[in-house]
PDB file of N, CA and C in Angstrom:
ATOM      1  N   MET A   1       0.853  -1.166   0.000  1.00  0.00           N
ATOM      2  CA  MET A   1       0.000   0.000   0.000  1.00  0.00           C
ATOM      3  C   MET A   1       0.905   1.236   0.000  1.00  0.00           C
ATOM      4  N   SER A   2       0.582   2.175  -0.829  1.00  0.00           N
ATOM      5  CA  SER A   2       1.403   3.376  -0.919  1.00  0.00           C
ATOM      6  C   SER A   2       1.207   4.250   0.314  1.00  0.00           C
ATOM      7  N   LEU A   3       2.123   5.162   0.487  1.00  0.00           N
ATOM      8  CA  LEU A   3       2.066   6.069   1.626  1.00  0.00           C
ATOM      9  C   LEU A   3       0.794   6.907   1.607  1.00  0.00           C
ATOM     10  N   PHE A   4       0.409   7.424   0.424  1.00  0.00           N
ATOM     11  CA  PHE A   4      -0.786   8.261   0.325  1.00  0.00           C
ATOM     12  C   PHE A   4      -2.061   7.467   0.578  1.00  0.00           C
ATOM     13  N   ALA A   5      -2.123   6.248   0.082  1.00  0.00           N
ATOM     14  CA  ALA A   5      -3.303   5.408   0.324  1.00  0.00           C
ATOM     15  C   ALA A   5      -3.420   5.082   1.809  1.00  0.00           C
ATOM     16  N   SER A   6      -2.301   4.792   2.442  1.00  0.00           N
ATOM     17  CA  SER A   6      -2.299   4.487   3.868  1.00  0.00           C
ATOM     18  C   SER A   6      -2.722   5.710   4.689  1.00  0.00           C
ATOM     19  N   LEU A   7      -2.217   6.871   4.314  1.00  0.00           N
ATOM     20  CA  LEU A   7      -2.582   8.107   5.004  1.00  0.00           C
ATOM     21  C   LEU A   7      -4.067   8.417   4.839  1.00  0.00           C
ATOM     22  N   LYS A   8      -4.579   8.233   3.633  1.00  0.00           N
ATOM     23  CA  LYS A   8      -6.004   8.477   3.376  1.00  0.00           C
ATOM     24  C   LYS A   8      -6.875   7.539   4.211  1.00  0.00           C
ATOM     25  N   ARG A   9      -6.488   6.269   4.289  1.00  0.00           N
ATOM     26  CA  ARG A   9      -7.245   5.293   5.069  1.00  0.00           C
ATOM     27  C   ARG A   9      -7.245   5.676   6.553  1.00  0.00           C
ATOM     28  N   LYS A  10      -6.092   6.084   7.074  1.00  0.00           N
ATOM     29  CA  LYS A  10      -5.999   6.474   8.486  1.00  0.00           C
ATOM     30  C   LYS A  10      -6.828   7.726   8.775  1.00  0.00           C
ATOM     31  N   LEU A  11      -6.819   8.692   7.863  1.00  0.00           N
ATOM     32  CA  LEU A  11      -7.629   9.903   8.055  1.00  0.00           C
ATOM     33  C   LEU A  11      -9.122   9.576   8.042  1.00  0.00           C
ATOM     34  N   THR A  12      -9.531   8.667   7.164  1.00  0.00           N
ATOM     35  CA  THR A  12     -10.928   8.249   7.114  1.00  0.00           C
ATOM     36  C   THR A  12     -11.320   7.550   8.412  1.00  0.00           C
ATOM     37  N   GLU A  13     -10.458   6.654   8.898  1.00  0.00           N
ATOM     38  CA  GLU A  13     -10.722   5.971  10.169  1.00  0.00           C
ATOM     39  C   GLU A  13     -10.840   6.981  11.315  1.00  0.00           C
ATOM     40  N   PHE A  14      -9.961   7.983  11.330  1.00  0.00           N
ATOM     41  CA  PHE A  14     -10.011   9.012  12.372  1.00  0.00           C
ATOM     42  C   PHE A  14     -11.321   9.788  12.298  1.00  0.00           C
ATOM     43  N   LYS A  15     -11.742  10.152  11.091  1.00  0.00           N
ATOM     44  CA  LYS A  15     -12.994  10.900  10.915  1.00  0.00           C
ATOM     45  C   LYS A  15     -14.180  10.108  11.454  1.00  0.00           C
ATOM     46  N   TYR A  16     -14.247   8.830  11.130  1.00  0.00           N
ATOM     47  CA  TYR A  16     -15.344   7.992  11.613  1.00  0.00           C
ATOM     48  C   TYR A  16     -15.315   7.894  13.136  1.00  0.00           C
ATOM     49  N   GLN A  17     -14.133   7.725  13.700  1.00  0.00           N
ATOM     50  CA  GLN A  17     -14.019   7.619  15.151  1.00  0.00           C
ATOM     51  C   GLN A  17     -14.370   8.948  15.822  1.00  0.00           C
ATOM     52  N   TYR A  18     -13.889  10.051  15.295  1.00  0.00           N
ATOM     53  CA  TYR A  18     -14.115  11.371  15.879  1.00  0.00           C
ATOM     54  C   TYR A  18     -15.604  11.721  15.915  1.00  0.00           C
ATOM     55  N   TYR A  19     -16.305  11.444  14.810  1.00  0.00           N
ATOM     56  CA  TYR A  19     -17.723  11.781  14.732  1.00  0.00           C
ATOM     57  C   TYR A  19     -18.646  10.662  15.214  1.00  0.00           C
ATOM     58  N   GLY A  20     -18.094   9.535  15.643  1.00  0.00           N
ATOM     59  CA  GLY A  20     -18.893   8.424  16.151  1.00  0.00           C
ATOM     60  C   GLY A  20     -19.732   7.756  15.078  1.00  0.00           C
ATOM     61  N   LEU A  21     -19.169   7.622  13.879  1.00  0.00           N
ATOM     62  CA  LEU A  21     -19.900   7.047  12.752  1.00  0.00           C
ATOM     63  C   LEU A  21     -19.613   5.559  12.588  1.00  0.00           C
ATOM     64  N   ASN A  22     -20.575   4.867  12.052  1.00  0.00           N
ATOM     65  CA  ASN A  22     -20.426   3.481  11.628  1.00  0.00           C
ATOM     66  C   ASN A  22     -20.907   3.370  10.196  1.00  0.00           C
ATOM     67  N   ILE A  23     -20.573   2.264   9.551  1.00  0.00           N
ATOM     68  CA  ILE A  23     -20.937   2.066   8.158  1.00  0.00           C
ATOM     69  C   ILE A  23     -21.329   0.617   7.917  1.00  0.00           C
ATOM     70  N   ILE A  24     -22.345   0.444   7.081  1.00  0.00           N
ATOM     71  CA  ILE A  24     -22.727  -0.874   6.567  1.00  0.00           C
ATOM     72  C   ILE A  24     -22.566  -0.789   5.064  1.00  0.00           C
ATOM     73  N   GLN A  25     -21.812  -1.723   4.489  1.00  0.00           N
ATOM     74  CA  GLN A  25     -21.506  -1.684   3.062  1.00  0.00           C
ATOM     75  C   GLN A  25     -22.028  -2.917   2.338  1.00  0.00           C
ATOM     76  N   GLU A  26     -22.125  -2.786   1.020  1.00  0.00           N
ATOM     77  CA  GLU A  26     -22.485  -3.869   0.108  1.00  0.00           C
ATOM     78  C   GLU A  26     -23.838  -4.506   0.436  1.00  0.00           C
ATOM     79  N   VAL A  27     -24.837  -3.658   0.601  1.00  0.00           N
ATOM     80  CA  VAL A  27     -26.197  -4.124   0.839  1.00  0.00           C
ATOM     81  C   VAL A  27     -26.851  -4.378  -0.520  1.00  0.00           C
ATOM     82  N   PRO A  28     -27.391  -5.583  -0.755  1.00  0.00           N
ATOM     83  CA  PRO A  28     -28.049  -5.871  -2.040  1.00  0.00           C
ATOM     84  C   PRO A  28     -29.236  -4.942  -2.287  1.00  0.00           C
ATOM     85  N   SER A  29     -29.537  -4.680  -3.550  1.00  0.00           N
ATOM     86  CA  SER A  29     -30.532  -3.671  -3.924  1.00  0.00           C
ATOM     87  C   SER A  29     -31.911  -3.921  -3.319  1.00  0.00           C
ATOM     88  N   GLU A  30     -32.391  -5.155  -3.323  1.00  0.00           N
ATOM     89  CA  GLU A  30     -33.734  -5.426  -2.798  1.00  0.00           C
ATOM     90  C   GLU A  30     -33.820  -5.071  -1.317  1.00  0.00           C
ATOM     91  N   ARG A  31     -32.821  -5.490  -0.546  1.00  0.00           N
ATOM     92  CA  ARG A  31     -32.832  -5.208   0.894  1.00  0.00           C
ATOM     93  C   ARG A  31     -32.578  -3.733   1.163  1.00  0.00           C
ATOM     94  N   PHE A  32     -31.754  -3.099   0.331  1.00  0.00           N
ATOM     95  CA  PHE A  32     -31.461  -1.678   0.476  1.00  0.00           C
ATOM     96  C   PHE A  32     -32.742  -0.864   0.356  1.00  0.00           C
ATOM     97  N   HIS A  33     -33.530  -1.124  -0.683  1.00  0.00           N
ATOM     98  CA  HIS A  33     -34.785  -0.395  -0.882  1.00  0.00           C
ATOM     99  C   HIS A  33     -35.811  -0.744   0.187  1.00  0.00           C
ATOM    100  N   LEU A  34     -35.821  -1.984   0.629  1.00  0.00           N
ATOM    101  CA  LEU A  34     -36.722  -2.386   1.708  1.00  0.00           C
ATOM    102  C   LEU A  34     -36.408  -1.608   2.980  1.00  0.00           C
ATOM    103  N   ILE A  35     -35.138  -1.471   3.308  1.00  0.00           N
ATOM    104  CA  ILE A  35     -34.732  -0.748   4.516  1.00  0.00           C
ATOM    105  C   ILE A  35     -35.120   0.727   4.415  1.00  0.00           C
ATOM    106  N   ILE A  36     -34.867   1.351   3.269  1.00  0.00           N
ATOM    107  CA  ILE A  36     -35.229   2.758   3.094  1.00  0.00           C
ATOM    108  C   ILE A  36     -36.741   2.940   3.233  1.00  0.00           C
ATOM    109  N   ALA A  37     -37.515   2.082   2.576  1.00  0.00           N
ATOM    110  CA  ALA A  37     -38.977   2.174   2.652  1.00  0.00           C
ATOM    111  C   ALA A  37     -39.464   1.979   4.088  1.00  0.00           C
ATOM    112  N   LEU A  38     -38.871   1.041   4.806  1.00  0.00           N
ATOM    113  CA  LEU A  38     -39.260   0.781   6.186  1.00  0.00           C
ATOM    114  C   LEU A  38     -38.946   1.981   7.091  1.00  0.00           C
ATOM    115  N   TYR A  39     -37.794   2.593   6.914  1.00  0.00           N
ATOM    116  CA  TYR A  39     -37.439   3.755   7.725  1.00  0.00           C
ATOM    117  C   TYR A  39     -38.355   4.946   7.424  1.00  0.00           C
ATOM    118  N   VAL A  40     -38.720   5.139   6.160  1.00  0.00           N
ATOM    119  CA  VAL A  40     -39.659   6.206   5.811  1.00  0.00           C
ATOM    120  C   VAL A  40     -41.012   5.923   6.456  1.00  0.00           C
ATOM    121  N   GLU A  41     -41.421   4.666   6.444  1.00  0.00           N
ATOM    122  CA  GLU A  41     -42.679   4.259   7.074  1.00  0.00           C
ATOM    123  C   GLU A  41     -42.652   4.516   8.581  1.00  0.00           C
ATOM    124  N   ARG A  42     -41.484   4.404   9.191  1.00  0.00           N
ATOM    125  CA  ARG A  42     -41.325   4.625  10.630  1.00  0.00           C
ATOM    126  C   ARG A  42     -41.212   6.104  11.000  1.00  0.00           C
ATOM    127  N   GLY A  43     -41.333   6.991  10.012  1.00  0.00           N
ATOM    128  CA  GLY A  43     -41.339   8.415  10.305  1.00  0.00           C
ATOM    129  C   GLY A  43     -40.072   9.163   9.955  1.00  0.00           C
ATOM    130  N   TRP A  44     -39.110   8.514   9.327  1.00  0.00           N
ATOM    131  CA  TRP A  44     -37.899   9.205   8.898  1.00  0.00           C
ATOM    132  C   TRP A  44     -38.222  10.004   7.644  1.00  0.00           C
ATOM    133  N   GLU A  45     -37.686  11.221   7.568  1.00  0.00           N
ATOM    134  CA  GLU A  45     -37.904  12.074   6.392  1.00  0.00           C
ATOM    135  C   GLU A  45     -36.754  11.887   5.414  1.00  0.00           C
ATOM    136  N   MET A  46     -37.092  11.790   4.127  1.00  0.00           N
ATOM    137  CA  MET A  46     -36.090  11.562   3.096  1.00  0.00           C
ATOM    138  C   MET A  46     -35.809  12.855   2.341  1.00  0.00           C
ATOM    139  N   SER A  47     -34.542  13.090   2.076  1.00  0.00           N
ATOM    140  CA  SER A  47     -34.149  14.209   1.217  1.00  0.00           C
ATOM    141  C   SER A  47     -33.027  13.728   0.312  1.00  0.00           C
ATOM    142  N   GLY A  48     -32.940  14.327  -0.849  1.00  0.00           N
ATOM    143  CA  GLY A  48     -31.877  13.948  -1.773  1.00  0.00           C
ATOM    144  C   GLY A  48     -32.407  13.281  -3.013  1.00  0.00           C
ATOM    145  N   ASP A  49     -31.555  12.556  -3.655  1.00  0.00           N
ATOM    146  CA  ASP A  49     -31.800  12.006  -4.979  1.00  0.00           C
ATOM    147  C   ASP A  49     -32.087  10.503  -4.905  1.00  0.00           C
ATOM    148  N   TYR A  50     -33.234  10.115  -4.389  1.00  0.00           N
ATOM    149  CA  TYR A  50     -33.578   8.701  -4.259  1.00  0.00           C
ATOM    150  C   TYR A  50     -34.282   8.214  -5.519  1.00  0.00           C
ATOM    151  N   ARG A  51     -33.752   7.136  -6.111  1.00  0.00           N
ATOM    152  CA  ARG A  51     -34.365   6.538  -7.301  1.00  0.00           C
ATOM    153  C   ARG A  51     -34.355   5.024  -7.167  1.00  0.00           C
ATOM    154  N   GLU A  52     -35.526   4.457  -6.989  1.00  0.00           N
ATOM    155  CA  GLU A  52     -35.594   3.001  -6.947  1.00  0.00           C
ATOM    156  C   GLU A  52     -35.544   2.431  -8.352  1.00  0.00           C
ATOM    157  N   ALA A  53     -36.214   3.077  -9.300  1.00  0.00           N
ATOM    158  CA  ALA A  53     -36.197   2.618 -10.683  1.00  0.00           C
ATOM    159  C   ALA A  53     -34.867   3.008 -11.320  1.00  0.00           C
ATOM    160  N   GLY A  54     -34.338   2.170 -12.144  1.00  0.00           N
ATOM    161  CA  GLY A  54     -33.099   2.462 -12.836  1.00  0.00           C
ATOM    162  C   GLY A  54     -31.874   2.376 -11.953  1.00  0.00           C
ATOM    163  N   ILE A  55     -31.962   1.586 -10.900  1.00  0.00           N
ATOM    164  CA  ILE A  55     -30.872   1.504  -9.933  1.00  0.00           C
ATOM    165  C   ILE A  55     -29.600   0.903 -10.522  1.00  0.00           C
ATOM    166  N   LYS A  56     -29.731   0.049 -11.497  1.00  0.00           N
ATOM    167  CA  LYS A  56     -28.564  -0.640 -12.036  1.00  0.00           C
ATOM    168  C   LYS A  56     -27.658   0.275 -12.843  1.00  0.00           C
ATOM    169  N   SER A  57     -28.147   1.433 -13.256  1.00  0.00           N
ATOM    170  CA  SER A  57     -27.354   2.287 -14.123  1.00  0.00           C
ATOM    171  C   SER A  57     -26.982   3.631 -13.514  1.00  0.00           C
ATOM    172  N   SER A  58     -27.235   3.831 -12.215  1.00  0.00           N
ATOM    173  CA  SER A  58     -26.954   5.155 -11.669  1.00  0.00           C
ATOM    174  C   SER A  58     -26.361   5.075 -10.268  1.00  0.00           C
ATOM    175  N   ASP A  59     -25.695   6.144  -9.902  1.00  0.00           N
ATOM    176  CA  ASP A  59     -25.181   6.327  -8.544  1.00  0.00           C
ATOM    177  C   ASP A  59     -25.946   7.493  -7.934  1.00  0.00           C
ATOM    178  N   TRP A  60     -26.319   7.399  -6.670  1.00  0.00           N
ATOM    179  CA  TRP A  60     -27.047   8.479  -6.028  1.00  0.00           C
ATOM    180  C   TRP A  60     -26.873   8.426  -4.524  1.00  0.00           C
ATOM    181  N   ILE A  61     -27.271   9.515  -3.880  1.00  0.00           N
ATOM    182  CA  ILE A  61     -27.177   9.660  -2.427  1.00  0.00           C
ATOM    183  C   ILE A  61     -28.476  10.275  -1.919  1.00  0.00           C
ATOM    184  N   CYS A  62     -28.978   9.762  -0.810  1.00  0.00           N
ATOM    185  CA  CYS A  62     -30.098  10.420  -0.138  1.00  0.00           C
ATOM    186  C   CYS A  62     -29.840  10.361   1.366  1.00  0.00           C
ATOM    187  N   LYS A  63     -30.556  11.200   2.098  1.00  0.00           N
ATOM    188  CA  LYS A  63     -30.433  11.226   3.556  1.00  0.00           C
ATOM    189  C   LYS A  63     -31.785  10.941   4.173  1.00  0.00           C
ATOM    190  N   LEU A  64     -31.753  10.178   5.244  1.00  0.00           N
ATOM    191  CA  LEU A  64     -32.936   9.946   6.063  1.00  0.00           C
ATOM    192  C   LEU A  64     -32.698  10.679   7.375  1.00  0.00           C
ATOM    193  N   ARG A  65     -33.682  11.480   7.801  1.00  0.00           N
ATOM    194  CA  ARG A  65     -33.547  12.260   9.034  1.00  0.00           C
ATOM    195  C   ARG A  65     -34.732  12.012   9.954  1.00  0.00           C
ATOM    196  N   LYS A  66     -34.415  11.901  11.226  1.00  0.00           N
ATOM    197  CA  LYS A  66     -35.455  11.821  12.252  1.00  0.00           C
ATOM    198  C   LYS A  66     -34.894  12.497  13.491  1.00  0.00           C
ATOM    199  N   GLY A  67     -35.515  13.593  13.871  1.00  0.00           N
ATOM    200  CA  GLY A  67     -34.996  14.378  14.998  1.00  0.00           C
ATOM    201  C   GLY A  67     -33.629  14.923  14.646  1.00  0.00           C
ATOM    202  N   THR A  68     -32.644  14.632  15.474  1.00  0.00           N
ATOM    203  CA  THR A  68     -31.280  15.100  15.211  1.00  0.00           C
ATOM    204  C   THR A  68     -30.412  14.035  14.547  1.00  0.00           C
ATOM    205  N   SER A  69     -30.987  12.874  14.253  1.00  0.00           N
ATOM    206  CA  SER A  69     -30.230  11.784  13.639  1.00  0.00           C
ATOM    207  C   SER A  69     -30.325  11.840  12.119  1.00  0.00           C
ATOM    208  N   THR A  70     -29.209  11.589  11.459  1.00  0.00           N
ATOM    209  CA  THR A  70     -29.157  11.551   9.999  1.00  0.00           C
ATOM    210  C   THR A  70     -28.476  10.268   9.572  1.00  0.00           C
ATOM    211  N   LEU A  71     -29.096   9.584   8.622  1.00  0.00           N
ATOM    212  CA  LEU A  71     -28.561   8.356   8.058  1.00  0.00           C
ATOM    213  C   LEU A  71     -28.322   8.602   6.572  1.00  0.00           C
ATOM    214  N   LEU A  72     -27.070   8.527   6.143  1.00  0.00           N
ATOM    215  CA  LEU A  72     -26.710   8.737   4.750  1.00  0.00           C
ATOM    216  C   LEU A  72     -26.841   7.408   4.006  1.00  0.00           C
ATOM    217  N   CYS A  73     -27.608   7.409   2.926  1.00  0.00           N
ATOM    218  CA  CYS A  73     -27.828   6.208   2.119  1.00  0.00           C
ATOM    219  C   CYS A  73     -27.219   6.452   0.749  1.00  0.00           C
ATOM    220  N   GLU A  74     -26.259   5.629   0.356  1.00  0.00           N
ATOM    221  CA  GLU A  74     -25.575   5.793  -0.923  1.00  0.00           C
ATOM    222  C   GLU A  74     -25.763   4.543  -1.769  1.00  0.00           C
ATOM    223  N   TRP A  75     -26.016   4.752  -3.051  1.00  0.00           N
ATOM    224  CA  TRP A  75     -26.064   3.637  -3.993  1.00  0.00           C
ATOM    225  C   TRP A  75     -24.969   3.836  -5.018  1.00  0.00           C
ATOM    226  N   ASP A  76     -24.178   2.816  -5.219  1.00  0.00           N
ATOM    227  CA  ASP A  76     -23.075   2.838  -6.162  1.00  0.00           C
ATOM    228  C   ASP A  76     -23.139   1.530  -6.944  1.00  0.00           C
ATOM    229  N   THR A  77     -23.070   1.594  -8.253  1.00  0.00           N
ATOM    230  CA  THR A  77     -23.208   0.375  -9.061  1.00  0.00           C
ATOM    231  C   THR A  77     -22.095  -0.631  -8.787  1.00  0.00           C
ATOM    232  N   ARG A  78     -20.937  -0.182  -8.322  1.00  0.00           N
ATOM    233  CA  ARG A  78     -19.843  -1.114  -8.015  1.00  0.00           C
ATOM    234  C   ARG A  78     -19.999  -1.737  -6.633  1.00  0.00           C
ATOM    235  N   ASN A  79     -20.336  -0.918  -5.633  1.00  0.00           N
ATOM    236  CA  ASN A  79     -20.348  -1.374  -4.242  1.00  0.00           C
ATOM    237  C   ASN A  79     -21.738  -1.619  -3.672  1.00  0.00           C
ATOM    238  N   HIS A  80     -22.763  -1.382  -4.455  1.00  0.00           N
ATOM    239  CA  HIS A  80     -24.155  -1.542  -4.034  1.00  0.00           C
ATOM    240  C   HIS A  80     -24.507  -0.547  -2.937  1.00  0.00           C
ATOM    241  N   GLY A  81     -25.362  -0.919  -1.999  1.00  0.00           N
ATOM    242  CA  GLY A  81     -25.866   0.023  -1.010  1.00  0.00           C
ATOM    243  C   GLY A  81     -24.958   0.197   0.190  1.00  0.00           C
ATOM    244  N   THR A  82     -24.933   1.421   0.705  1.00  0.00           N
ATOM    245  CA  THR A  82     -24.129   1.753   1.884  1.00  0.00           C
ATOM    246  C   THR A  82     -24.954   2.658   2.796  1.00  0.00           C
ATOM    247  N   PHE A  83     -24.899   2.372   4.091  1.00  0.00           N
ATOM    248  CA  PHE A  83     -25.531   3.217   5.102  1.00  0.00           C
ATOM    249  C   PHE A  83     -24.437   3.758   6.015  1.00  0.00           C
ATOM    250  N   ILE A  84     -24.426   5.080   6.231  1.00  0.00           N
ATOM    251  CA  ILE A  84     -23.443   5.729   7.102  1.00  0.00           C
ATOM    252  C   ILE A  84     -24.208   6.610   8.081  1.00  0.00           C
ATOM    253  N   GLY A  85     -23.866   6.492   9.358  1.00  0.00           N
ATOM    254  CA  GLY A  85     -24.543   7.313  10.348  1.00  0.00           C
ATOM    255  C   GLY A  85     -24.005   7.086  11.743  1.00  0.00           C
ATOM    256  N   PRO A  86     -24.687   7.662  12.737  1.00  0.00           N
ATOM    257  CA  PRO A  86     -24.270   7.494  14.131  1.00  0.00           C
ATOM    258  C   PRO A  86     -24.235   6.013  14.514  1.00  0.00           C
ATOM    259  N   GLU A  87     -23.300   5.690  15.370  1.00  0.00           N
ATOM    260  CA  GLU A  87     -23.084   4.296  15.763  1.00  0.00           C
ATOM    261  C   GLU A  87     -24.370   3.615  16.241  1.00  0.00           C
ATOM    262  N   ARG A  88     -25.134   4.280  17.101  1.00  0.00           N
ATOM    263  CA  ARG A  88     -26.334   3.644  17.657  1.00  0.00           C
ATOM    264  C   ARG A  88     -27.378   3.338  16.584  1.00  0.00           C
ATOM    265  N   ILE A  89     -27.492   4.193  15.563  1.00  0.00           N
ATOM    266  CA  ILE A  89     -28.467   3.980  14.496  1.00  0.00           C
ATOM    267  C   ILE A  89     -27.995   2.863  13.566  1.00  0.00           C
ATOM    268  N   VAL A  90     -26.757   2.950  13.107  1.00  0.00           N
ATOM    269  CA  VAL A  90     -26.233   1.973  12.144  1.00  0.00           C
ATOM    270  C   VAL A  90     -26.079   0.602  12.794  1.00  0.00           C
ATOM    271  N   TYR A  91     -25.631   0.560  14.039  1.00  0.00           N
ATOM    272  CA  TYR A  91     -25.511  -0.713  14.740  1.00  0.00           C
ATOM    273  C   TYR A  91     -26.884  -1.376  14.889  1.00  0.00           C
ATOM    274  N   GLY A  92     -27.896  -0.582  15.236  1.00  0.00           N
ATOM    275  CA  GLY A  92     -29.260  -1.108  15.360  1.00  0.00           C
ATOM    276  C   GLY A  92     -29.794  -1.607  14.030  1.00  0.00           C
ATOM    277  N   LEU A  93     -29.525  -0.874  12.967  1.00  0.00           N
ATOM    278  CA  LEU A  93     -29.945  -1.291  11.628  1.00  0.00           C
ATOM    279  C   LEU A  93     -29.283  -2.622  11.263  1.00  0.00           C
ATOM    280  N   GLY A  94     -27.993  -2.722  11.526  1.00  0.00           N
ATOM    281  CA  GLY A  94     -27.265  -3.957  11.231  1.00  0.00           C
ATOM    282  C   GLY A  94     -27.786  -5.138  12.016  1.00  0.00           C
ATOM    283  N   LYS A  95     -28.077  -4.915  13.277  1.00  0.00           N
ATOM    284  CA  LYS A  95     -28.594  -5.979  14.129  1.00  0.00           C
ATOM    285  C   LYS A  95     -29.976  -6.429  13.665  1.00  0.00           C
ATOM    286  N   GLU A  96     -30.819  -5.476  13.291  1.00  0.00           N
ATOM    287  CA  GLU A  96     -32.181  -5.790  12.854  1.00  0.00           C
ATOM    288  C   GLU A  96     -32.212  -6.556  11.530  1.00  0.00           C
ATOM    289  N   PHE A  97     -31.328  -6.197  10.611  1.00  0.00           N
ATOM    290  CA  PHE A  97     -31.374  -6.786   9.269  1.00  0.00           C
ATOM    291  C   PHE A  97     -30.241  -7.777   8.985  1.00  0.00           C
ATOM    292  N   GLY A  98     -29.404  -8.061   9.976  1.00  0.00           N
ATOM    293  CA  GLY A  98     -28.374  -9.081   9.822  1.00  0.00           C
ATOM    294  C   GLY A  98     -27.136  -8.626   9.062  1.00  0.00           C
ATOM    295  N   PHE A  99     -26.765  -7.354   9.195  1.00  0.00           N
ATOM    296  CA  PHE A  99     -25.550  -6.837   8.566  1.00  0.00           C
ATOM    297  C   PHE A  99     -24.523  -6.507   9.639  1.00  0.00           C
ATOM    298  N   THR A 100     -23.271  -6.416   9.222  1.00  0.00           N
ATOM    299  CA  THR A 100     -22.198  -6.045  10.139  1.00  0.00           C
ATOM    300  C   THR A 100     -21.925  -4.559  10.021  1.00  0.00           C
ATOM    301  N   ALA A 101     -22.002  -3.860  11.135  1.00  0.00           N
ATOM    302  CA  ALA A 101     -21.675  -2.425  11.167  1.00  0.00           C
ATOM    303  C   ALA A 101     -20.200  -2.289  11.494  1.00  0.00           C
ATOM    304  N   ASN A 102     -19.458  -1.609  10.616  1.00  0.00           N
ATOM    305  CA  ASN A 102     -18.030  -1.397  10.800  1.00  0.00           C
ATOM    306  C   ASN A 102     -17.756   0.017  11.291  1.00  0.00           C
ATOM    307  N   THR A 103     -16.617   0.194  11.956  1.00  0.00           N
ATOM    308  CA  THR A 103     -16.259   1.508  12.464  1.00  0.00           C
ATOM    309  C   THR A 103     -15.585   2.388  11.423  1.00  0.00           C
ATOM    310  N   ALA A 104     -15.264   1.825  10.255  1.00  0.00           N
ATOM    311  CA  ALA A 104     -14.686   2.580   9.130  1.00  0.00           C
ATOM    312  C   ALA A 104     -14.897   1.760   7.865  1.00  0.00           C
ATOM    313  N   PRO A 105     -14.850   2.386   6.701  1.00  0.00           N
ATOM    314  CA  PRO A 105     -15.016   1.637   5.431  1.00  0.00           C
ATOM    315  C   PRO A 105     -13.959   0.542   5.293  1.00  0.00           C
ATOM    316  N   GLN A 106     -14.371  -0.562   4.746  1.00  0.00           N
ATOM    317  CA  GLN A 106     -13.458  -1.692   4.535  1.00  0.00           C
ATOM    318  C   GLN A 106     -12.948  -1.729   3.117  1.00  0.00           C
TER     319      GLN A 106
END
Protein backbone atom coordinates (compact mmCIF):
# COMPACT_ATOMS: atom_id res chain seq x y z
CA MET A 1 0.00 0.00 0.00
CA SER A 2 1.40 3.38 -0.92
CA LEU A 3 2.07 6.07 1.63
CA PHE A 4 -0.79 8.26 0.32
CA ALA A 5 -3.30 5.41 0.32
CA SER A 6 -2.30 4.49 3.87
CA LEU A 7 -2.58 8.11 5.00
CA LYS A 8 -6.00 8.48 3.38
CA ARG A 9 -7.25 5.29 5.07
CA LYS A 10 -6.00 6.47 8.49
CA LEU A 11 -7.63 9.90 8.05
CA THR A 12 -10.93 8.25 7.11
CA GLU A 13 -10.72 5.97 10.17
CA PHE A 14 -10.01 9.01 12.37
CA LYS A 15 -12.99 10.90 10.91
CA TYR A 16 -15.34 7.99 11.61
CA GLN A 17 -14.02 7.62 15.15
CA TYR A 18 -14.11 11.37 15.88
CA TYR A 19 -17.72 11.78 14.73
CA GLY A 20 -18.89 8.42 16.15
CA LEU A 21 -19.90 7.05 12.75
CA ASN A 22 -20.43 3.48 11.63
CA ILE A 23 -20.94 2.07 8.16
CA ILE A 24 -22.73 -0.87 6.57
CA GLN A 25 -21.51 -1.68 3.06
CA GLU A 26 -22.49 -3.87 0.11
CA VAL A 27 -26.20 -4.12 0.84
CA PRO A 28 -28.05 -5.87 -2.04
CA SER A 29 -30.53 -3.67 -3.92
CA GLU A 30 -33.73 -5.43 -2.80
CA ARG A 31 -32.83 -5.21 0.89
CA PHE A 32 -31.46 -1.68 0.48
CA HIS A 33 -34.79 -0.40 -0.88
CA LEU A 34 -36.72 -2.39 1.71
CA ILE A 35 -34.73 -0.75 4.52
CA ILE A 36 -35.23 2.76 3.09
CA ALA A 37 -38.98 2.17 2.65
CA LEU A 38 -39.26 0.78 6.19
CA TYR A 39 -37.44 3.76 7.72
CA VAL A 40 -39.66 6.21 5.81
CA GLU A 41 -42.68 4.26 7.07
CA ARG A 42 -41.32 4.62 10.63
CA GLY A 43 -41.34 8.42 10.30
CA TRP A 44 -37.90 9.21 8.90
CA GLU A 45 -37.90 12.07 6.39
CA MET A 46 -36.09 11.56 3.10
CA SER A 47 -34.15 14.21 1.22
CA GLY A 48 -31.88 13.95 -1.77
CA ASP A 49 -31.80 12.01 -4.98
CA TYR A 50 -33.58 8.70 -4.26
CA ARG A 51 -34.37 6.54 -7.30
CA GLU A 52 -35.59 3.00 -6.95
CA ALA A 53 -36.20 2.62 -10.68
CA GLY A 54 -33.10 2.46 -12.84
CA ILE A 55 -30.87 1.50 -9.93
CA LYS A 56 -28.56 -0.64 -12.04
CA SER A 57 -27.35 2.29 -14.12
CA SER A 58 -26.95 5.16 -11.67
CA ASP A 59 -25.18 6.33 -8.54
CA TRP A 60 -27.05 8.48 -6.03
CA ILE A 61 -27.18 9.66 -2.43
CA CYS A 62 -30.10 10.42 -0.14
CA LYS A 63 -30.43 11.23 3.56
CA LEU A 64 -32.94 9.95 6.06
CA ARG A 65 -33.55 12.26 9.03
CA LYS A 66 -35.45 11.82 12.25
CA GLY A 67 -35.00 14.38 15.00
CA THR A 68 -31.28 15.10 15.21
CA SER A 69 -30.23 11.78 13.64
CA THR A 70 -29.16 11.55 10.00
CA LEU A 71 -28.56 8.36 8.06
CA LEU A 72 -26.71 8.74 4.75
CA CYS A 73 -27.83 6.21 2.12
CA GLU A 74 -25.57 5.79 -0.92
CA TRP A 75 -26.06 3.64 -3.99
CA ASP A 76 -23.07 2.84 -6.16
CA THR A 77 -23.21 0.37 -9.06
CA ARG A 78 -19.84 -1.11 -8.01
CA ASN A 79 -20.35 -1.37 -4.24
CA HIS A 80 -24.15 -1.54 -4.03
CA GLY A 81 -25.87 0.02 -1.01
CA THR A 82 -24.13 1.75 1.88
CA PHE A 83 -25.53 3.22 5.10
CA ILE A 84 -23.44 5.73 7.10
CA GLY A 85 -24.54 7.31 10.35
CA PRO A 86 -24.27 7.49 14.13
CA GLU A 87 -23.08 4.30 15.76
CA ARG A 88 -26.33 3.64 17.66
CA ILE A 89 -28.47 3.98 14.50
CA VAL A 90 -26.23 1.97 12.14
CA TYR A 91 -25.51 -0.71 14.74
CA GLY A 92 -29.26 -1.11 15.36
CA LEU A 93 -29.94 -1.29 11.63
CA GLY A 94 -27.27 -3.96 11.23
CA LYS A 95 -28.59 -5.98 14.13
CA GLU A 96 -32.18 -5.79 12.85
CA PHE A 97 -31.37 -6.79 9.27
CA GLY A 98 -28.37 -9.08 9.82
CA PHE A 99 -25.55 -6.84 8.57
CA THR A 100 -22.20 -6.04 10.14
CA ALA A 101 -21.67 -2.42 11.17
CA ASN A 102 -18.03 -1.40 10.80
CA THR A 103 -16.26 1.51 12.46
CA ALA A 104 -14.69 2.58 9.13
CA PRO A 105 -15.02 1.64 5.43
CA GLN A 106 -13.46 -1.69 4.53
